[in-house]
N, C-alpha and C. Protein backbone atom coordinates (compact mmCIF):
# COMPACT_ATOMS: atom_id res chain seq x y z
N MET A 1 -18.35 69.71 -87.54
CA MET A 1 -18.63 68.43 -86.92
C MET A 1 -17.88 67.35 -87.69
N ASP A 2 -17.12 66.52 -86.97
CA ASP A 2 -16.38 65.47 -87.66
C ASP A 2 -17.31 64.32 -88.02
N MET A 3 -16.84 63.50 -88.94
CA MET A 3 -17.65 62.41 -89.49
C MET A 3 -18.05 61.39 -88.42
N GLN A 4 -17.12 61.07 -87.52
CA GLN A 4 -17.41 60.09 -86.48
C GLN A 4 -18.52 60.59 -85.55
N ASN A 5 -18.44 61.85 -85.16
CA ASN A 5 -19.45 62.45 -84.30
C ASN A 5 -20.80 62.51 -85.03
N ALA A 6 -20.76 62.86 -86.30
CA ALA A 6 -21.99 62.92 -87.10
C ALA A 6 -22.63 61.54 -87.21
N ASP A 7 -21.81 60.53 -87.44
CA ASP A 7 -22.34 59.16 -87.54
C ASP A 7 -22.99 58.73 -86.22
N ALA A 8 -22.37 59.06 -85.10
CA ALA A 8 -22.91 58.69 -83.79
C ALA A 8 -24.24 59.41 -83.55
N GLN A 9 -24.29 60.68 -83.92
CA GLN A 9 -25.54 61.44 -83.73
C GLN A 9 -26.65 60.90 -84.62
N ILE A 10 -26.31 60.59 -85.86
CA ILE A 10 -27.30 60.05 -86.79
C ILE A 10 -27.80 58.69 -86.29
N GLU A 11 -26.89 57.86 -85.80
CA GLU A 11 -27.29 56.55 -85.28
C GLU A 11 -28.26 56.72 -84.11
N GLN A 12 -27.96 57.63 -83.20
CA GLN A 12 -28.85 57.87 -82.05
C GLN A 12 -30.19 58.42 -82.52
N LEU A 13 -30.17 59.32 -83.50
CA LEU A 13 -31.42 59.87 -84.03
C LEU A 13 -32.26 58.77 -84.66
N GLU A 14 -31.63 57.87 -85.37
CA GLU A 14 -32.37 56.80 -86.03
C GLU A 14 -32.99 55.83 -85.02
N ILE A 15 -32.30 55.60 -83.92
CA ILE A 15 -32.87 54.78 -82.85
C ILE A 15 -34.10 55.49 -82.27
N SER A 16 -33.96 56.78 -82.01
CA SER A 16 -35.09 57.57 -81.49
C SER A 16 -36.25 57.59 -82.47
N MET A 17 -35.93 57.67 -83.75
CA MET A 17 -36.96 57.70 -84.77
C MET A 17 -37.72 56.38 -84.82
N GLU A 18 -37.01 55.27 -84.68
CA GLU A 18 -37.67 53.95 -84.68
C GLU A 18 -38.58 53.81 -83.46
N GLN A 19 -38.10 54.29 -82.30
CA GLN A 19 -38.94 54.24 -81.10
C GLN A 19 -40.19 55.09 -81.28
N ALA A 20 -40.02 56.27 -81.86
CA ALA A 20 -41.16 57.15 -82.11
C ALA A 20 -42.14 56.49 -83.07
N LYS A 21 -41.63 55.83 -84.09
CA LYS A 21 -42.51 55.15 -85.05
C LYS A 21 -43.30 54.03 -84.37
N ASP A 22 -42.70 53.32 -83.43
CA ASP A 22 -43.41 52.28 -82.69
C ASP A 22 -44.56 52.88 -81.87
N ILE A 23 -44.28 53.98 -81.21
CA ILE A 23 -45.30 54.64 -80.40
C ILE A 23 -46.42 55.18 -81.29
N ILE A 24 -46.05 55.77 -82.41
CA ILE A 24 -47.03 56.28 -83.36
C ILE A 24 -47.90 55.13 -83.88
N GLY A 25 -47.27 54.00 -84.17
CA GLY A 25 -48.02 52.82 -84.63
C GLY A 25 -49.04 52.35 -83.60
N LEU A 26 -48.65 52.38 -82.33
CA LEU A 26 -49.57 51.99 -81.26
C LEU A 26 -50.75 52.95 -81.19
N ALA A 27 -50.46 54.25 -81.25
CA ALA A 27 -51.53 55.25 -81.21
C ALA A 27 -52.44 55.12 -82.42
N ASP A 28 -51.86 54.90 -83.58
CA ASP A 28 -52.67 54.72 -84.79
C ASP A 28 -53.55 53.48 -84.68
N SER A 29 -53.02 52.42 -84.09
CA SER A 29 -53.82 51.20 -83.89
C SER A 29 -55.01 51.48 -82.98
N LEU A 30 -54.79 52.25 -81.94
CA LEU A 30 -55.88 52.59 -81.02
C LEU A 30 -56.93 53.43 -81.73
N VAL A 31 -56.49 54.38 -82.54
CA VAL A 31 -57.44 55.21 -83.31
C VAL A 31 -58.26 54.32 -84.25
N ASP A 32 -57.58 53.39 -84.91
CA ASP A 32 -58.30 52.47 -85.80
C ASP A 32 -59.31 51.63 -85.02
N LEU A 33 -58.89 51.13 -83.86
CA LEU A 33 -59.81 50.35 -83.03
C LEU A 33 -61.03 51.17 -82.63
N ALA A 34 -60.79 52.41 -82.23
CA ALA A 34 -61.88 53.27 -81.76
C ALA A 34 -62.90 53.54 -82.86
N LYS A 35 -62.49 53.43 -84.11
CA LYS A 35 -63.40 53.62 -85.24
C LYS A 35 -64.20 52.36 -85.55
N ASN A 36 -63.76 51.23 -85.05
CA ASN A 36 -64.40 49.95 -85.32
C ASN A 36 -65.74 49.86 -84.59
N LYS A 37 -66.80 49.47 -85.32
CA LYS A 37 -68.13 49.45 -84.71
C LYS A 37 -68.22 48.46 -83.55
N ASP A 38 -67.51 47.35 -83.64
CA ASP A 38 -67.53 46.38 -82.54
C ASP A 38 -66.83 46.92 -81.30
N PHE A 39 -65.73 47.62 -81.51
CA PHE A 39 -65.02 48.25 -80.39
C PHE A 39 -65.93 49.28 -79.72
N LYS A 40 -66.58 50.08 -80.54
CA LYS A 40 -67.50 51.08 -79.99
C LYS A 40 -68.60 50.41 -79.18
N ARG A 41 -69.14 49.33 -79.73
CA ARG A 41 -70.25 48.64 -79.06
C ARG A 41 -69.79 48.01 -77.74
N VAL A 42 -68.64 47.34 -77.75
CA VAL A 42 -68.18 46.61 -76.58
C VAL A 42 -67.48 47.52 -75.57
N ILE A 43 -66.57 48.35 -76.03
CA ILE A 43 -65.75 49.15 -75.11
C ILE A 43 -66.32 50.54 -74.87
N THR A 44 -66.44 51.33 -75.94
CA THR A 44 -66.86 52.72 -75.77
C THR A 44 -68.24 52.83 -75.15
N GLU A 45 -69.20 52.13 -75.75
CA GLU A 45 -70.57 52.20 -75.23
C GLU A 45 -70.80 51.19 -74.11
N GLY A 46 -70.41 49.94 -74.36
CA GLY A 46 -70.70 48.87 -73.42
C GLY A 46 -69.97 49.00 -72.10
N TYR A 47 -68.72 49.40 -72.15
CA TYR A 47 -67.91 49.44 -70.92
C TYR A 47 -67.83 50.86 -70.35
N PHE A 48 -67.36 51.81 -71.17
CA PHE A 48 -67.15 53.17 -70.67
C PHE A 48 -68.46 53.87 -70.31
N ILE A 49 -69.53 53.56 -71.01
CA ILE A 49 -70.80 54.25 -70.74
C ILE A 49 -71.75 53.36 -69.95
N ASN A 50 -72.16 52.23 -70.54
CA ASN A 50 -73.20 51.40 -69.90
C ASN A 50 -72.73 50.78 -68.59
N GLU A 51 -71.56 50.18 -68.60
CA GLU A 51 -71.07 49.54 -67.37
C GLU A 51 -70.78 50.58 -66.29
N ALA A 52 -70.22 51.71 -66.69
CA ALA A 52 -69.95 52.77 -65.70
C ALA A 52 -71.27 53.26 -65.08
N SER A 53 -72.28 53.45 -65.90
CA SER A 53 -73.59 53.88 -65.38
C SER A 53 -74.19 52.83 -64.46
N ARG A 54 -74.11 51.57 -64.86
CA ARG A 54 -74.65 50.49 -64.05
C ARG A 54 -73.97 50.44 -62.68
N LEU A 55 -72.66 50.61 -62.68
CA LEU A 55 -71.91 50.57 -61.42
C LEU A 55 -72.26 51.74 -60.51
N VAL A 56 -72.41 52.92 -61.10
CA VAL A 56 -72.78 54.08 -60.29
C VAL A 56 -74.15 53.89 -59.68
N LEU A 57 -75.09 53.37 -60.46
CA LEU A 57 -76.43 53.09 -59.92
C LEU A 57 -76.38 52.00 -58.85
N ALA A 58 -75.53 51.01 -59.06
CA ALA A 58 -75.42 49.91 -58.09
C ALA A 58 -74.91 50.41 -56.74
N LYS A 59 -74.10 51.44 -56.74
CA LYS A 59 -73.59 51.99 -55.48
C LYS A 59 -74.72 52.46 -54.58
N ALA A 60 -75.82 52.93 -55.20
CA ALA A 60 -76.93 53.47 -54.42
C ALA A 60 -78.00 52.42 -54.11
N THR A 61 -77.81 51.21 -54.57
CA THR A 61 -78.79 50.15 -54.34
C THR A 61 -78.60 49.55 -52.95
N PRO A 62 -79.67 49.49 -52.15
CA PRO A 62 -79.55 48.96 -50.78
C PRO A 62 -78.94 47.56 -50.72
N ALA A 63 -79.23 46.71 -51.68
CA ALA A 63 -78.68 45.35 -51.67
C ALA A 63 -77.17 45.34 -51.90
N MET A 64 -76.65 46.43 -52.35
CA MET A 64 -75.22 46.52 -52.65
C MET A 64 -74.49 47.38 -51.61
N SER A 65 -75.03 47.47 -50.42
CA SER A 65 -74.49 48.42 -49.44
C SER A 65 -73.41 47.87 -48.51
N THR A 66 -73.11 46.60 -48.60
CA THR A 66 -72.05 46.09 -47.71
C THR A 66 -70.71 46.68 -48.11
N ASP A 67 -69.83 46.79 -47.14
CA ASP A 67 -68.51 47.37 -47.40
C ASP A 67 -67.77 46.63 -48.51
N SER A 68 -67.86 45.33 -48.48
CA SER A 68 -67.15 44.52 -49.46
C SER A 68 -67.69 44.75 -50.88
N ILE A 69 -69.00 44.81 -51.02
CA ILE A 69 -69.59 45.06 -52.35
C ILE A 69 -69.28 46.48 -52.80
N GLN A 70 -69.38 47.44 -51.91
CA GLN A 70 -69.06 48.83 -52.25
C GLN A 70 -67.61 48.96 -52.72
N LYS A 71 -66.72 48.25 -52.04
CA LYS A 71 -65.30 48.27 -52.44
C LYS A 71 -65.13 47.66 -53.83
N ASP A 72 -65.82 46.57 -54.11
CA ASP A 72 -65.75 45.95 -55.43
C ASP A 72 -66.27 46.89 -56.51
N ILE A 73 -67.38 47.56 -56.21
CA ILE A 73 -67.94 48.53 -57.17
C ILE A 73 -66.97 49.67 -57.40
N ASP A 74 -66.41 50.20 -56.32
CA ASP A 74 -65.43 51.29 -56.45
C ASP A 74 -64.23 50.86 -57.30
N ASN A 75 -63.75 49.65 -57.05
CA ASN A 75 -62.61 49.15 -57.82
C ASN A 75 -62.96 49.00 -59.30
N ALA A 76 -64.17 48.55 -59.59
CA ALA A 76 -64.59 48.41 -60.98
C ALA A 76 -64.68 49.77 -61.66
N ILE A 77 -65.20 50.76 -60.96
CA ILE A 77 -65.29 52.13 -61.51
C ILE A 77 -63.89 52.67 -61.75
N ILE A 78 -63.00 52.46 -60.79
CA ILE A 78 -61.61 52.90 -60.94
C ILE A 78 -60.97 52.22 -62.14
N GLY A 79 -61.25 50.94 -62.33
CA GLY A 79 -60.71 50.21 -63.48
C GLY A 79 -61.13 50.82 -64.80
N ILE A 80 -62.38 51.22 -64.90
CA ILE A 80 -62.87 51.88 -66.12
C ILE A 80 -62.09 53.17 -66.34
N GLY A 81 -61.92 53.93 -65.29
CA GLY A 81 -61.17 55.19 -65.40
C GLY A 81 -59.73 54.96 -65.83
N TYR A 82 -59.10 53.93 -65.28
CA TYR A 82 -57.71 53.65 -65.64
C TYR A 82 -57.58 53.22 -67.10
N LEU A 83 -58.53 52.45 -67.59
CA LEU A 83 -58.46 52.06 -69.00
C LEU A 83 -58.62 53.28 -69.90
N GLN A 84 -59.55 54.17 -69.57
CA GLN A 84 -59.68 55.40 -70.35
C GLN A 84 -58.40 56.23 -70.27
N LYS A 85 -57.83 56.30 -69.08
CA LYS A 85 -56.58 57.05 -68.90
C LYS A 85 -55.46 56.43 -69.74
N HIS A 86 -55.41 55.11 -69.76
CA HIS A 86 -54.40 54.41 -70.56
C HIS A 86 -54.56 54.74 -72.04
N PHE A 87 -55.79 54.68 -72.53
CA PHE A 87 -56.04 55.02 -73.93
C PHE A 87 -55.64 56.47 -74.21
N ASN A 88 -55.99 57.38 -73.32
CA ASN A 88 -55.61 58.79 -73.51
C ASN A 88 -54.10 58.97 -73.50
N SER A 89 -53.42 58.21 -72.66
CA SER A 89 -51.95 58.29 -72.61
C SER A 89 -51.33 57.81 -73.92
N ILE A 90 -51.89 56.75 -74.48
CA ILE A 90 -51.37 56.23 -75.75
C ILE A 90 -51.51 57.30 -76.84
N ILE A 91 -52.67 57.95 -76.90
CA ILE A 91 -52.89 58.99 -77.90
C ILE A 91 -51.94 60.17 -77.64
N GLY A 92 -51.79 60.57 -76.40
CA GLY A 92 -50.89 61.67 -76.06
C GLY A 92 -49.44 61.36 -76.41
N MET A 93 -49.00 60.13 -76.08
CA MET A 93 -47.63 59.74 -76.42
C MET A 93 -47.44 59.68 -77.93
N GLY A 94 -48.48 59.25 -78.64
CA GLY A 94 -48.41 59.22 -80.10
C GLY A 94 -48.24 60.62 -80.67
N ASN A 95 -48.96 61.58 -80.13
CA ASN A 95 -48.84 62.97 -80.59
C ASN A 95 -47.44 63.52 -80.31
N MET A 96 -46.92 63.22 -79.13
CA MET A 96 -45.56 63.67 -78.80
C MET A 96 -44.53 62.99 -79.69
N ALA A 97 -44.75 61.71 -79.97
CA ALA A 97 -43.82 60.96 -80.82
C ALA A 97 -43.82 61.50 -82.24
N ARG A 98 -44.97 61.92 -82.73
CA ARG A 98 -45.02 62.52 -84.08
C ARG A 98 -44.15 63.78 -84.14
N LYS A 99 -44.26 64.59 -83.11
CA LYS A 99 -43.45 65.82 -83.05
C LYS A 99 -41.96 65.47 -82.94
N SER A 100 -41.64 64.52 -82.08
CA SER A 100 -40.24 64.10 -81.91
C SER A 100 -39.67 63.53 -83.20
N LEU A 101 -40.49 62.76 -83.90
CA LEU A 101 -40.04 62.17 -85.16
C LEU A 101 -39.73 63.26 -86.18
N GLN A 102 -40.59 64.24 -86.29
CA GLN A 102 -40.35 65.35 -87.22
C GLN A 102 -39.06 66.09 -86.86
N GLU A 103 -38.87 66.35 -85.58
CA GLU A 103 -37.68 67.06 -85.13
C GLU A 103 -36.42 66.23 -85.40
N ALA A 104 -36.48 64.94 -85.14
CA ALA A 104 -35.33 64.06 -85.37
C ALA A 104 -35.00 63.98 -86.86
N GLU A 105 -36.02 63.90 -87.69
CA GLU A 105 -35.79 63.86 -89.14
C GLU A 105 -35.13 65.16 -89.62
N GLN A 106 -35.60 66.28 -89.09
CA GLN A 106 -35.03 67.58 -89.46
C GLN A 106 -33.57 67.67 -88.99
N THR A 107 -33.30 67.25 -87.77
CA THR A 107 -31.94 67.29 -87.23
C THR A 107 -31.02 66.39 -88.05
N ARG A 108 -31.50 65.20 -88.40
CA ARG A 108 -30.70 64.28 -89.22
C ARG A 108 -30.36 64.92 -90.56
N GLU A 109 -31.33 65.57 -91.18
CA GLU A 109 -31.08 66.23 -92.47
C GLU A 109 -30.06 67.37 -92.31
N GLU A 110 -30.14 68.10 -91.22
CA GLU A 110 -29.18 69.19 -90.97
C GLU A 110 -27.77 68.64 -90.81
N ILE A 111 -27.65 67.54 -90.05
CA ILE A 111 -26.33 66.93 -89.86
C ILE A 111 -25.78 66.42 -91.18
N LEU A 112 -26.62 65.74 -91.94
CA LEU A 112 -26.18 65.23 -93.25
C LEU A 112 -25.78 66.38 -94.17
N GLY A 113 -26.51 67.49 -94.09
CA GLY A 113 -26.17 68.66 -94.89
C GLY A 113 -24.83 69.25 -94.50
N GLU A 114 -24.56 69.31 -93.19
CA GLU A 114 -23.27 69.82 -92.71
C GLU A 114 -22.12 68.93 -93.18
N VAL A 115 -22.33 67.63 -93.05
CA VAL A 115 -21.28 66.68 -93.46
C VAL A 115 -21.03 66.77 -94.96
N ALA A 116 -22.10 66.85 -95.74
CA ALA A 116 -21.96 66.94 -97.19
C ALA A 116 -21.28 68.25 -97.58
N GLY A 117 -21.59 69.33 -96.85
CA GLY A 117 -20.97 70.63 -97.13
C GLY A 117 -19.49 70.63 -96.85
N ARG A 118 -19.03 69.87 -95.87
CA ARG A 118 -17.60 69.82 -95.52
C ARG A 118 -16.82 68.90 -96.44
N GLU A 119 -17.55 67.96 -97.07
CA GLU A 119 -16.87 67.02 -97.95
C GLU A 119 -16.53 67.67 -99.29
N HIS A 120 -17.19 68.75 -99.62
CA HIS A 120 -16.93 69.41 -100.92
C HIS A 120 -15.91 70.47 -100.82
């Protein structure tokens, strides 16, 4: 591998590594938030559990039986699901980014090793 090609590959790997680090940072931030007692109280328990339960019960309440109210309740339940899905996606992308970062670091070291071996 010539030096110019190696430099281009290393540059691309370093860009990928920085992107992976950003994604990992986001996932780590979410993990830290999830450990926070206030987050647990407001989001995990208050929104994902209590609000979801309240909305499901409200669907069966006769006073909440109009089409418009039922649609609002359905949308609120869907919103809870989407937020959970978003959080799960962040964690999943963080896990993939960790793997990608390790692979990119290994590839960079291999390229640097090849270049160093040819220089001697």
